[in-house]
Amino acid sequence: MYDILIIGAGTAGMACAITAAQQGAKVAVIEKADHIGGALHWSGGHMSAGGTRRQKQLGIEDSPEKHLADIFRINDSTGDLTLTKMAVYEAPKTIDWLEDLGFDFAPECPRIIYGHVPYTEARTHYGTNKALSIYKVLRPLWDKQVEEGNIDLFLETTLTALRKNEGRFNEAVTNKQSFFGKYIVLTTGGYGSNPAYFNAKHPNTPLMSSSYPTATGDGHQIIEDLGGVFEYGKFHLPSLGGVELEEGRCNFNEAWAMVLTSIYRPAREIYVNKHGKRFMNENEPNADTRERIVVQQPDWKFWIIFDETALLERNAGGAENSIMIGWDTDKIKAVAKEEKFIWQASSIEELCTKAGLPYLTTKKTIDTFNEACDNKIDTEFGRTQLNHKIQTAHYYALLVHASVLVTFGGMKVNEQLQIVDKQGEVMQGLYAAGELLGLGATSGSAFCSGMAITPALSFGRILGKKLSTKING
């Protein structure tokens, strides 16, 4: 029998296993993929914390109290307030720990991020290579514990059931064998890559997923079947900018439109819904406002329409600052010829035919916008950036979706991170961390920068320490 069974070798699972093994626990980690790291291979790696050593070195006066107040301002004090507070007060210790391990901070960090509602202080930290910078410093610790025999890793091993023996859960059944442990920690991730489960939890909500492929809600389903409580799904919000690379899926790292906010890139385009109508001020800076407007549109998608002049425009420094993050003009033109999610045409009528938009309504929308540019007043939505009439061929349409990067719903735990059932009773032996708890637990009803990865690392470390202490007496 192992001291601790950890189901899932992602962000929280790695942190938990390393910490527990370092303190003398014998750990087994069960991972259904053929590799460890989970979404660390995928994520942007944003972590938030108030009062870190790096902030102090840069003269930034911050604290967990300020961080917590900012979160409650942004999400109106929603989510699990106890877990949020625990995550926030642990966060600077986690960031300092990474720094001690040689974490390669991006030179501009910490900074204020405007892709979500901004904090009042620069407290978002990330590495030069996104979340892989986290993986880079965790991997040597992991390898050392594996080599010393403190962590046994079982890849391509899928959890199928959890069983009780003598009044507590201590058995994990997999597709290969059963494992036994004094404590079981579930860090199985989210459910954004499981359309059936997602649709059951979010009926009538379109799913365009950019979640890590293994985020299939396995842990959620097993815990629910045992009487666990799914909560915070009501807070679900998508991220804006995904384009459909394959059916039902997009990828933040490969193709993403710069529509999260106008702070980084003032719009040269207009947005229209499936009816060919504008529906917002394209230069709205608030990310949360933009997200909530888009989810009111049919199918949670819209088309970005622009002309050749807008495409070729450079910023004041001479850089392109493309509508597609990381793409240049040549790539946009080349992909437009494939006619998958970007279309190019010599007339508005041809563009509408290709993109599947109603011509007459779309043409009227464009004409009205062009008049607003001439008159320098947008009576419909109050847009003040009116320097880009849509009048010069070629014309372009880019189809953008409100997409799922992370799932808000998750399994209920108490302040000890023990999984609880529908009667509020502890499911003895079972603990959880990471996206299995749901972003809604620590971020509430809005995206709060860095409140996914930092709590996953922090809670993983907390459980590793707590459970190894229990074992060692």
Protein backbone atom coordinates (compact mmCIF):
# COMPACT_ATOMS: atom_id res chain seq x y z
CA MET A 1 0.00 0.00 0.00
CA TYR A 2 1.25 3.45 -0.94
CA ASP A 3 1.12 6.38 1.45
CA ILE A 4 -0.48 8.62 -1.18
CA LEU A 5 -2.11 7.86 -4.52
CA ILE A 6 -2.24 10.86 -6.85
CA ILE A 7 -4.53 10.62 -9.86
CA GLY A 8 -3.22 12.97 -12.53
CA ALA A 9 0.33 14.15 -13.22
CA GLY A 10 -0.46 17.72 -14.21
CA THR A 11 0.21 21.00 -12.42
CA ALA A 12 -1.34 20.15 -9.04
CA GLY A 13 -0.40 16.47 -9.20
CA MET A 14 3.28 17.13 -9.85
CA ALA A 15 3.48 19.73 -7.07
CA CYS A 16 1.74 17.38 -4.63
CA ALA A 17 3.85 14.34 -5.50
CA ILE A 18 7.16 16.20 -5.33
CA THR A 19 6.33 17.83 -2.00
CA ALA A 20 5.06 14.62 -0.40
CA ALA A 21 8.00 12.56 -1.65
CA GLN A 22 10.51 15.13 -0.44
CA GLN A 23 9.02 14.73 3.04
CA GLY A 24 9.33 10.97 3.11
CA ALA A 25 6.01 9.72 1.72
CA LYS A 26 5.86 6.81 -0.70
CA VAL A 27 3.82 8.09 -3.63
CA ALA A 28 2.18 6.53 -6.68
CA VAL A 29 1.08 8.79 -9.51
CA ILE A 30 -1.45 7.47 -12.01
CA GLU A 31 -1.62 9.32 -15.33
CA LYS A 32 -3.78 8.38 -18.31
CA ALA A 33 -1.56 10.14 -20.86
CA ASP A 34 1.82 8.84 -22.01
CA HIS A 35 3.63 11.80 -20.43
CA ILE A 36 3.53 14.00 -17.33
CA GLY A 37 2.88 17.73 -17.09
CA GLY A 38 -0.69 17.93 -18.36
CA ALA A 39 -1.74 21.46 -19.29
CA LEU A 40 1.72 22.81 -18.43
CA HIS A 41 2.47 21.82 -22.03
CA TRP A 42 -0.45 23.97 -23.20
CA SER A 43 -1.15 26.90 -20.88
CA GLY A 44 0.03 30.49 -21.01
CA GLY A 45 1.30 29.95 -17.48
CA HIS A 46 -0.06 33.09 -15.81
CA MET A 47 0.26 33.09 -12.03
CA SER A 48 -0.87 35.86 -9.69
CA ALA A 49 0.38 36.67 -6.21
CA GLY A 50 0.59 39.72 -3.97
CA GLY A 51 3.69 40.31 -1.91
CA THR A 52 6.23 38.24 -3.81
CA ARG A 53 9.96 38.68 -3.46
CA ARG A 54 10.16 39.74 -7.10
CA GLN A 55 7.56 42.47 -6.59
CA LYS A 56 9.50 43.83 -3.62
CA GLN A 57 12.73 43.84 -5.62
CA LEU A 58 10.99 45.96 -8.25
CA GLY A 59 9.50 48.36 -5.71
CA ILE A 60 5.92 47.10 -6.11
CA GLU A 61 4.06 47.39 -2.82
CA ASP A 62 1.56 44.57 -2.73
CA SER A 63 0.14 42.02 -0.31
CA PRO A 64 -2.26 39.08 -0.12
CA GLU A 65 -4.81 41.44 1.43
CA LYS A 66 -4.69 43.74 -1.60
CA HIS A 67 -4.81 40.77 -3.96
CA LEU A 68 -7.85 39.33 -2.22
CA ALA A 69 -9.66 42.66 -2.25
CA ASP A 70 -8.97 42.98 -5.97
CA ILE A 71 -10.38 39.52 -6.67
CA PHE A 72 -13.54 40.25 -4.69
CA ARG A 73 -13.90 43.55 -6.59
CA ILE A 74 -13.64 41.75 -9.92
CA ASN A 75 -15.90 38.78 -9.12
CA ASP A 76 -18.24 40.46 -6.64
CA SER A 77 -17.13 38.14 -3.82
CA THR A 78 -18.28 34.96 -5.54
CA GLY A 79 -16.81 31.46 -5.58
CA ASP A 80 -15.51 29.59 -2.56
CA LEU A 81 -14.32 32.48 -0.40
CA THR A 82 -12.40 30.21 1.97
CA LEU A 83 -10.48 28.51 -0.83
CA THR A 84 -9.86 31.81 -2.57
CA LYS A 85 -8.39 33.31 0.59
CA MET A 86 -6.26 30.21 1.18
CA ALA A 87 -4.97 30.35 -2.40
CA VAL A 88 -4.18 34.05 -2.23
CA TYR A 89 -2.27 33.86 1.05
CA GLU A 90 -0.28 30.86 -0.17
CA ALA A 91 0.44 32.39 -3.60
CA PRO A 92 3.51 34.52 -2.77
CA LYS A 93 5.14 31.52 -1.08
CA THR A 94 4.53 29.51 -4.24
CA ILE A 95 6.03 32.15 -6.54
CA ASP A 96 9.04 32.57 -4.25
CA TRP A 97 9.47 28.78 -4.23
CA LEU A 98 9.56 28.74 -8.03
CA GLU A 99 12.09 31.57 -7.98
CA ASP A 100 14.28 29.59 -5.60
CA LEU A 101 14.15 26.73 -8.09
CA GLY A 102 15.52 29.00 -10.82
CA PHE A 103 12.24 29.90 -12.52
CA ASP A 104 12.89 31.98 -15.63
CA PHE A 105 10.58 34.97 -15.23
CA ALA A 106 9.68 36.91 -18.35
CA PRO A 107 11.59 40.19 -17.97
CA GLU A 108 8.42 42.31 -17.99
CA CYS A 109 6.93 40.44 -15.05
CA PRO A 110 5.16 40.97 -12.82
CA ARG A 111 2.73 43.04 -14.85
CA ILE A 112 -0.90 44.04 -15.13
CA ILE A 113 -2.76 41.85 -17.63
CA TYR A 114 -5.65 43.40 -19.58
CA GLY A 115 -6.87 40.19 -21.21
CA HIS A 116 -8.93 39.87 -18.02
CA VAL A 117 -10.31 42.64 -15.82
CA PRO A 118 -7.04 44.21 -14.66
CA TYR A 119 -5.75 44.12 -11.13
CA THR A 120 -4.79 47.41 -9.50
CA GLU A 121 -1.21 46.19 -9.05
CA ALA A 122 1.30 44.40 -11.25
CA ARG A 123 1.01 40.91 -9.78
CA THR A 124 0.75 38.53 -12.72
CA HIS A 125 3.92 36.45 -13.12
CA TYR A 126 4.85 34.06 -15.93
CA GLY A 127 7.90 32.56 -17.55
CA THR A 128 9.74 33.19 -20.78
CA ASN A 129 8.28 29.98 -22.19
CA LYS A 130 4.74 30.17 -20.82
CA ALA A 131 3.77 27.28 -18.52
CA LEU A 132 6.66 25.21 -19.81
CA SER A 133 8.86 27.45 -17.67
CA ILE A 134 7.07 25.95 -14.64
CA TYR A 135 7.48 22.44 -15.99
CA LYS A 136 11.19 23.10 -16.55
CA VAL A 137 11.87 23.75 -12.86
CA LEU A 138 9.54 21.01 -11.58
CA ARG A 139 10.88 18.26 -13.81
CA PRO A 140 14.33 17.89 -12.12
CA LEU A 141 12.64 17.64 -8.70
CA TRP A 142 10.28 15.04 -10.09
CA ASP A 143 13.04 13.00 -11.73
CA LYS A 144 15.08 12.99 -8.53
CA GLN A 145 12.19 11.56 -6.49
CA VAL A 146 11.44 8.96 -9.18
CA GLU A 147 15.09 7.91 -9.33
CA GLU A 148 15.23 7.60 -5.54
CA GLY A 149 12.15 5.38 -5.56
CA ASN A 150 9.90 7.79 -3.71
CA ILE A 151 7.53 8.29 -6.66
CA ASP A 152 6.24 5.41 -8.77
CA LEU A 153 4.76 6.65 -12.04
CA PHE A 154 2.17 4.70 -14.02
CA LEU A 155 1.54 6.19 -17.46
CA GLU A 156 -1.32 5.31 -19.83
CA THR A 157 -3.25 4.21 -16.77
CA THR A 158 -6.85 5.40 -16.56
CA LEU A 159 -8.86 5.64 -13.36
CA THR A 160 -12.16 3.75 -13.67
CA ALA A 161 -13.42 3.61 -10.08
CA LEU A 162 -12.69 4.43 -6.46
CA ARG A 163 -13.55 1.98 -3.70
CA LYS A 164 -13.98 2.02 0.05
CA ASN A 165 -12.39 -0.45 2.37
CA GLU A 166 -13.00 -0.36 6.13
CA GLY A 167 -14.94 2.90 5.94
CA ARG A 168 -12.61 5.01 3.81
CA PHE A 169 -11.58 5.35 0.17
CA ASN A 170 -8.21 3.73 -0.28
CA GLU A 171 -8.46 1.86 -3.58
CA ALA A 172 -8.12 3.25 -7.09
CA VAL A 173 -9.25 0.90 -9.85
CA THR A 174 -7.68 1.49 -13.26
CA ASN A 175 -7.71 -0.07 -16.70
CA LYS A 176 -4.61 -2.04 -15.69
CA GLN A 177 -4.78 -2.86 -11.98
CA SER A 178 -5.95 -1.65 -8.59
CA PHE A 179 -3.77 0.59 -6.44
CA PHE A 180 -4.07 1.07 -2.70
CA GLY A 181 -3.11 4.12 -0.69
CA LYS A 182 -3.72 5.61 2.73
CA TYR A 183 -4.83 8.81 1.02
CA ILE A 184 -6.02 9.51 -2.52
CA VAL A 185 -5.55 12.93 -4.13
CA LEU A 186 -7.49 13.61 -7.32
CA THR A 187 -5.87 16.11 -9.67
CA THR A 188 -7.53 14.93 -12.87
CA GLY A 189 -8.09 18.35 -14.44
CA GLY A 190 -11.12 19.91 -16.06
CA TYR A 191 -13.74 18.71 -18.54
CA GLY A 192 -13.46 21.06 -21.52
CA SER A 193 -12.44 18.23 -23.85
CA ASN A 194 -15.47 16.07 -23.08
CA PRO A 195 -18.41 17.42 -25.15
CA ALA A 196 -20.98 15.03 -23.65
CA TYR A 197 -20.13 15.91 -20.06
CA PHE A 198 -19.77 19.61 -20.87
CA ASN A 199 -23.14 19.73 -22.59
CA ALA A 200 -24.77 17.93 -19.67
CA LYS A 201 -23.44 20.55 -17.27
CA HIS A 202 -23.97 23.53 -19.57
CA PRO A 203 -27.04 22.83 -21.71
CA ASN A 204 -27.59 25.16 -24.66
CA THR A 205 -24.00 26.41 -24.33
CA PRO A 206 -21.80 26.09 -27.42
CA LEU A 207 -18.53 24.24 -26.86
CA MET A 208 -15.54 25.34 -28.88
CA SER A 209 -12.76 23.80 -26.85
CA SER A 210 -9.19 24.92 -26.42
CA SER A 211 -8.80 22.80 -23.29
CA TYR A 212 -5.95 20.33 -22.96
CA PRO A 213 -6.96 17.13 -24.79
CA THR A 214 -6.85 14.99 -21.62
CA ALA A 215 -9.23 17.34 -19.75
CA THR A 216 -12.16 14.94 -20.09
CA GLY A 217 -13.77 15.15 -16.65
CA ASP A 218 -12.93 11.59 -15.57
CA GLY A 219 -12.53 12.56 -11.93
CA HIS A 220 -15.72 14.63 -11.97
CA GLN A 221 -17.81 11.74 -13.21
CA ILE A 222 -16.39 9.21 -10.78
CA ILE A 223 -16.80 11.50 -7.77
CA GLU A 224 -20.33 12.46 -8.81
CA ASP A 225 -21.29 8.79 -9.11
CA LEU A 226 -20.10 8.37 -5.52
CA GLY A 227 -22.27 11.23 -4.30
CA GLY A 228 -19.90 14.17 -4.72
CA VAL A 229 -21.17 17.67 -5.45
CA PHE A 230 -20.60 19.54 -8.73
CA GLU A 231 -20.77 23.30 -8.28
CA TYR A 232 -19.86 26.66 -9.83
CA GLY A 233 -20.88 25.60 -13.33
CA LYS A 234 -23.26 28.58 -13.30
CA PHE A 235 -20.24 30.89 -13.48
CA HIS A 236 -19.10 29.53 -16.83
CA LEU A 237 -17.53 32.16 -19.06
CA PRO A 238 -15.63 31.58 -22.31
CA SER A 239 -12.49 33.25 -23.59
CA LEU A 240 -12.69 35.26 -26.79
CA GLY A 241 -10.58 34.70 -29.86
CA GLY A 242 -10.68 31.03 -30.78
CA VAL A 243 -10.84 29.93 -34.40
CA GLU A 244 -11.94 26.44 -35.38
CA LEU A 245 -8.89 24.49 -36.54
CA GLU A 246 -10.70 21.16 -36.44
CA GLU A 247 -14.29 20.30 -35.64
CA GLY A 248 -15.18 21.66 -32.21
CA ARG A 249 -11.62 22.60 -31.29
CA CYS A 250 -9.29 25.56 -31.38
CA ASN A 251 -5.80 26.14 -30.02
CA PHE A 252 -4.65 29.27 -28.20
CA ASN A 253 -1.04 28.58 -29.11
CA GLU A 254 -1.61 28.19 -32.85
CA ALA A 255 -4.38 30.53 -33.96
CA TRP A 256 -6.09 33.10 -31.78
CA ALA A 257 -7.63 36.46 -32.61
CA MET A 258 -6.70 39.56 -30.63
CA VAL A 259 -10.20 40.34 -29.39
CA LEU A 260 -9.77 39.82 -25.64
CA THR A 261 -9.43 43.58 -25.13
CA SER A 262 -8.69 46.67 -27.19
CA ILE A 263 -5.90 47.77 -24.83
CA TYR A 264 -3.22 45.92 -26.77
CA ARG A 265 -4.68 46.53 -30.19
CA PRO A 266 -7.32 49.15 -31.05
CA ALA A 267 -9.77 47.68 -33.56
CA ARG A 268 -9.38 48.42 -37.25
CA GLU A 269 -12.34 46.15 -37.95
CA ILE A 270 -16.01 45.65 -37.16
CA TYR A 271 -17.63 42.61 -35.54
CA VAL A 272 -20.89 41.22 -36.89
CA ASN A 273 -23.05 38.31 -35.70
CA LYS A 274 -24.64 35.64 -37.89
CA HIS A 275 -27.32 38.15 -38.90
CA GLY A 276 -24.70 40.50 -40.30
CA LYS A 277 -25.24 43.10 -37.57
CA ARG A 278 -22.78 44.86 -35.31
CA PHE A 279 -23.44 44.24 -31.64
CA MET A 280 -20.81 46.14 -29.64
CA ASN A 281 -18.19 48.85 -29.56
CA GLU A 282 -15.24 46.96 -30.97
CA ASN A 283 -12.91 49.15 -28.92
CA GLU A 284 -14.45 48.25 -25.56
CA PRO A 285 -11.41 47.77 -23.28
CA ASN A 286 -13.04 45.68 -20.53
CA ALA A 287 -12.51 41.97 -21.20
CA ASP A 288 -15.38 40.88 -18.96
CA THR A 289 -17.80 43.23 -20.71
CA ARG A 290 -16.74 41.90 -24.09
CA GLU A 291 -17.18 38.28 -23.02
CA ARG A 292 -20.68 38.88 -21.68
CA ILE A 293 -21.76 40.70 -24.84
CA VAL A 294 -20.48 37.93 -27.11
CA VAL A 295 -22.33 35.19 -25.21
CA GLN A 296 -25.55 37.04 -26.00
CA GLN A 297 -24.92 36.48 -29.73
CA PRO A 298 -26.23 33.44 -31.61
CA ASP A 299 -23.95 30.42 -31.20
CA TRP A 300 -21.47 32.57 -29.25
CA LYS A 301 -19.55 33.49 -32.39
CA PHE A 302 -18.96 36.46 -34.63
CA TRP A 303 -17.19 37.53 -37.79
CA ILE A 304 -14.46 40.17 -37.90
CA ILE A 305 -14.72 42.15 -41.12
CA PHE A 306 -11.94 44.37 -42.48
CA ASP A 307 -10.40 45.51 -45.73
CA GLU A 308 -6.96 45.50 -47.31
CA THR A 309 -6.02 48.89 -45.88
CA ALA A 310 -6.74 47.76 -42.34
CA LEU A 311 -4.83 44.54 -42.89
CA LEU A 312 -1.72 46.35 -44.10
CA GLU A 313 -1.70 49.09 -41.49
CA ARG A 314 1.26 49.31 -39.14
CA ASN A 315 1.38 50.83 -35.68
CA ALA A 316 3.35 53.95 -34.77
CA GLY A 317 6.51 51.90 -34.39
CA GLY A 318 6.14 50.29 -37.81
CA ALA A 319 5.07 46.87 -36.50
CA GLU A 320 2.13 44.96 -37.97
CA ASN A 321 0.18 44.18 -34.75
CA SER A 322 -2.00 41.68 -36.60
CA ILE A 323 -5.56 40.72 -35.70
CA MET A 324 -4.18 37.16 -35.32
CA ILE A 325 -1.75 36.82 -32.42
CA GLY A 326 1.71 35.99 -33.73
CA TRP A 327 0.67 35.97 -37.39
CA ASP A 328 1.95 38.36 -40.03
CA THR A 329 0.10 39.69 -43.05
CA ASP A 330 1.52 37.07 -45.39
CA LYS A 331 0.27 34.23 -43.19
CA ILE A 332 -3.21 35.74 -42.96
CA LYS A 333 -3.36 36.07 -46.75
CA ALA A 334 -2.12 32.50 -47.25
CA VAL A 335 -4.59 30.99 -44.78
CA ALA A 336 -7.45 33.06 -46.26
CA LYS A 337 -6.94 31.19 -49.54
CA GLU A 338 -7.72 27.94 -47.70
CA GLU A 339 -11.18 29.36 -46.86
CA LYS A 340 -11.57 27.57 -43.53
CA PHE A 341 -12.02 30.34 -40.97
CA ILE A 342 -10.62 33.36 -42.83
CA TRP A 343 -12.06 34.37 -46.18
CA GLN A 344 -10.86 36.86 -48.76
CA ALA A 345 -12.93 38.36 -51.58
CA SER A 346 -12.88 41.18 -54.10
CA SER A 347 -16.38 42.38 -53.12
CA ILE A 348 -18.55 42.44 -50.03
CA GLU A 349 -21.14 40.28 -51.77
CA GLU A 350 -18.56 37.62 -52.61
CA LEU A 351 -17.20 37.79 -49.06
CA CYS A 352 -20.64 37.22 -47.57
CA THR A 353 -21.24 34.25 -49.84
CA LYS A 354 -17.97 32.65 -48.79
CA ALA A 355 -18.33 33.39 -45.08
CA GLY A 356 -22.02 32.45 -44.88
CA LEU A 357 -23.30 35.92 -43.94
CA PRO A 358 -26.50 37.57 -45.23
CA TYR A 359 -25.37 40.03 -47.89
CA LEU A 360 -28.02 42.75 -47.70
CA THR A 361 -27.89 43.13 -43.92
CA THR A 362 -24.09 42.93 -43.81
CA LYS A 363 -23.76 45.49 -46.61
CA LYS A 364 -26.09 47.84 -44.76
CA THR A 365 -24.06 47.38 -41.57
CA ILE A 366 -20.84 48.23 -43.41
CA ASP A 367 -22.40 51.25 -45.11
CA THR A 368 -23.68 52.55 -41.77
CA PHE A 369 -20.27 52.09 -40.19
CA ASN A 370 -18.55 53.86 -43.10
CA GLU A 371 -20.93 56.80 -42.64
CA ALA A 372 -20.00 56.86 -38.96
CA CYS A 373 -16.35 57.06 -39.99
CA ASP A 374 -17.15 59.98 -42.29
CA ASN A 375 -19.15 61.79 -39.61
CA LYS A 376 -16.79 60.79 -36.77
CA ILE A 377 -19.65 59.62 -34.61
CA ASP A 378 -20.94 56.11 -33.97
CA THR A 379 -24.53 56.60 -32.87
CA GLU A 380 -25.10 52.85 -32.45
CA PHE A 381 -22.35 51.84 -30.02
CA GLY A 382 -20.31 54.94 -29.24
CA ARG A 383 -17.09 53.77 -30.83
CA THR A 384 -14.58 56.62 -31.07
CA GLN A 385 -11.91 54.84 -33.13
CA LEU A 386 -13.37 55.61 -36.55
CA ASN A 387 -10.36 55.77 -38.87
CA HIS A 388 -10.89 52.59 -40.85
CA LYS A 389 -13.68 52.61 -43.40
CA ILE A 390 -14.27 49.24 -45.04
CA GLN A 391 -13.88 50.24 -48.68
CA THR A 392 -10.72 48.83 -50.24
CA ALA A 393 -10.48 45.36 -51.78
CA HIS A 394 -9.54 42.79 -50.83
CA TYR A 395 -12.14 42.30 -48.12
CA TYR A 396 -11.71 39.81 -45.28
CA ALA A 397 -13.91 37.96 -42.81
CA LEU A 398 -12.52 36.03 -39.83
CA LEU A 399 -14.85 33.74 -37.86
CA VAL A 400 -14.17 33.87 -34.11
CA HIS A 401 -15.67 31.79 -31.30
CA ALA A 402 -16.13 32.24 -27.60
CA SER A 403 -13.97 29.32 -26.53
CA VAL A 404 -13.31 27.16 -23.48
CA LEU A 405 -9.78 27.36 -22.12
CA VAL A 406 -10.65 26.30 -18.58
CA THR A 407 -13.82 24.99 -16.96
CA PHE A 408 -15.50 26.82 -14.09
CA GLY A 409 -17.45 23.91 -12.58
CA GLY A 410 -15.81 21.52 -10.18
CA MET A 411 -16.14 19.19 -7.22
CA LYS A 412 -16.89 20.57 -3.79
CA VAL A 413 -14.20 20.30 -1.10
CA ASN A 414 -13.91 21.66 2.43
CA GLU A 415 -11.19 23.95 3.78
CA GLN A 416 -8.94 20.90 4.20
CA LEU A 417 -9.35 20.10 0.48
CA GLN A 418 -11.26 16.93 1.39
CA ILE A 419 -13.98 15.99 -1.07
CA VAL A 420 -17.45 16.20 0.47
CA ASP A 421 -20.74 14.57 -0.55
CA LYS A 422 -24.26 15.92 -1.02
CA GLN A 423 -24.94 15.62 2.71
CA GLY A 424 -21.88 17.73 3.47
CA GLU A 425 -20.03 14.74 4.85
CA VAL A 426 -16.34 14.17 4.16
CA MET A 427 -15.64 11.35 1.74
CA GLN A 428 -12.92 9.90 3.93
CA GLY A 429 -9.59 9.40 2.24
CA LEU A 430 -10.33 11.60 -0.79
CA TYR A 431 -8.72 14.98 -1.48
CA ALA A 432 -8.66 17.18 -4.57
CA ALA A 433 -6.72 20.04 -6.16
CA GLY A 434 -6.29 21.73 -9.52
CA GLU A 435 -8.97 22.23 -12.16
CA LEU A 436 -11.01 19.40 -10.66
CA LEU A 437 -12.15 22.07 -8.17
CA GLY A 438 -13.26 24.31 -11.04
CA LEU A 439 -12.01 27.79 -11.84
CA GLY A 440 -15.19 29.09 -10.23
CA ALA A 441 -13.92 28.00 -6.82
CA THR A 442 -10.97 30.41 -6.80
CA SER A 443 -11.94 32.91 -9.49
CA GLY A 444 -15.69 33.14 -8.92
CA SER A 445 -17.95 34.54 -11.59
CA ALA A 446 -15.22 36.25 -13.62
CA PHE A 447 -11.75 35.52 -14.91
CA CYS A 448 -9.20 36.69 -12.35
CA SER A 449 -5.69 36.66 -13.77
CA GLY A 450 -3.50 33.84 -12.52
CA MET A 451 -6.14 32.21 -10.33
CA ALA A 452 -5.95 28.79 -11.99
CA ILE A 453 -2.29 27.75 -12.05
CA THR A 454 -1.22 29.42 -8.81
CA PRO A 455 -3.93 27.71 -6.72
CA ALA A 456 -3.19 24.40 -8.45
CA LEU A 457 0.48 24.59 -7.47
CA SER A 458 -0.31 25.93 -4.01
CA PHE A 459 -3.00 23.40 -3.16
CA GLY A 460 -0.84 20.58 -4.50
CA ARG A 461 1.99 21.65 -2.22
CA ILE A 462 -0.36 22.12 0.75
CA LEU A 463 -1.71 18.58 0.35
CA GLY A 464 1.76 17.13 -0.13
CA LYS A 465 2.88 18.67 3.16
CA LYS A 466 -0.33 17.92 5.05
CA LEU A 467 -0.64 14.28 4.06
CA SER A 468 3.04 13.44 4.46
CA THR A 469 2.85 14.94 7.96
CA LYS A 470 -0.13 12.73 8.76
CA ILE A 471 1.79 9.70 7.56
CA ASN A 472 4.95 10.55 9.44
CA GLY A 473 2.99 11.22 12.62
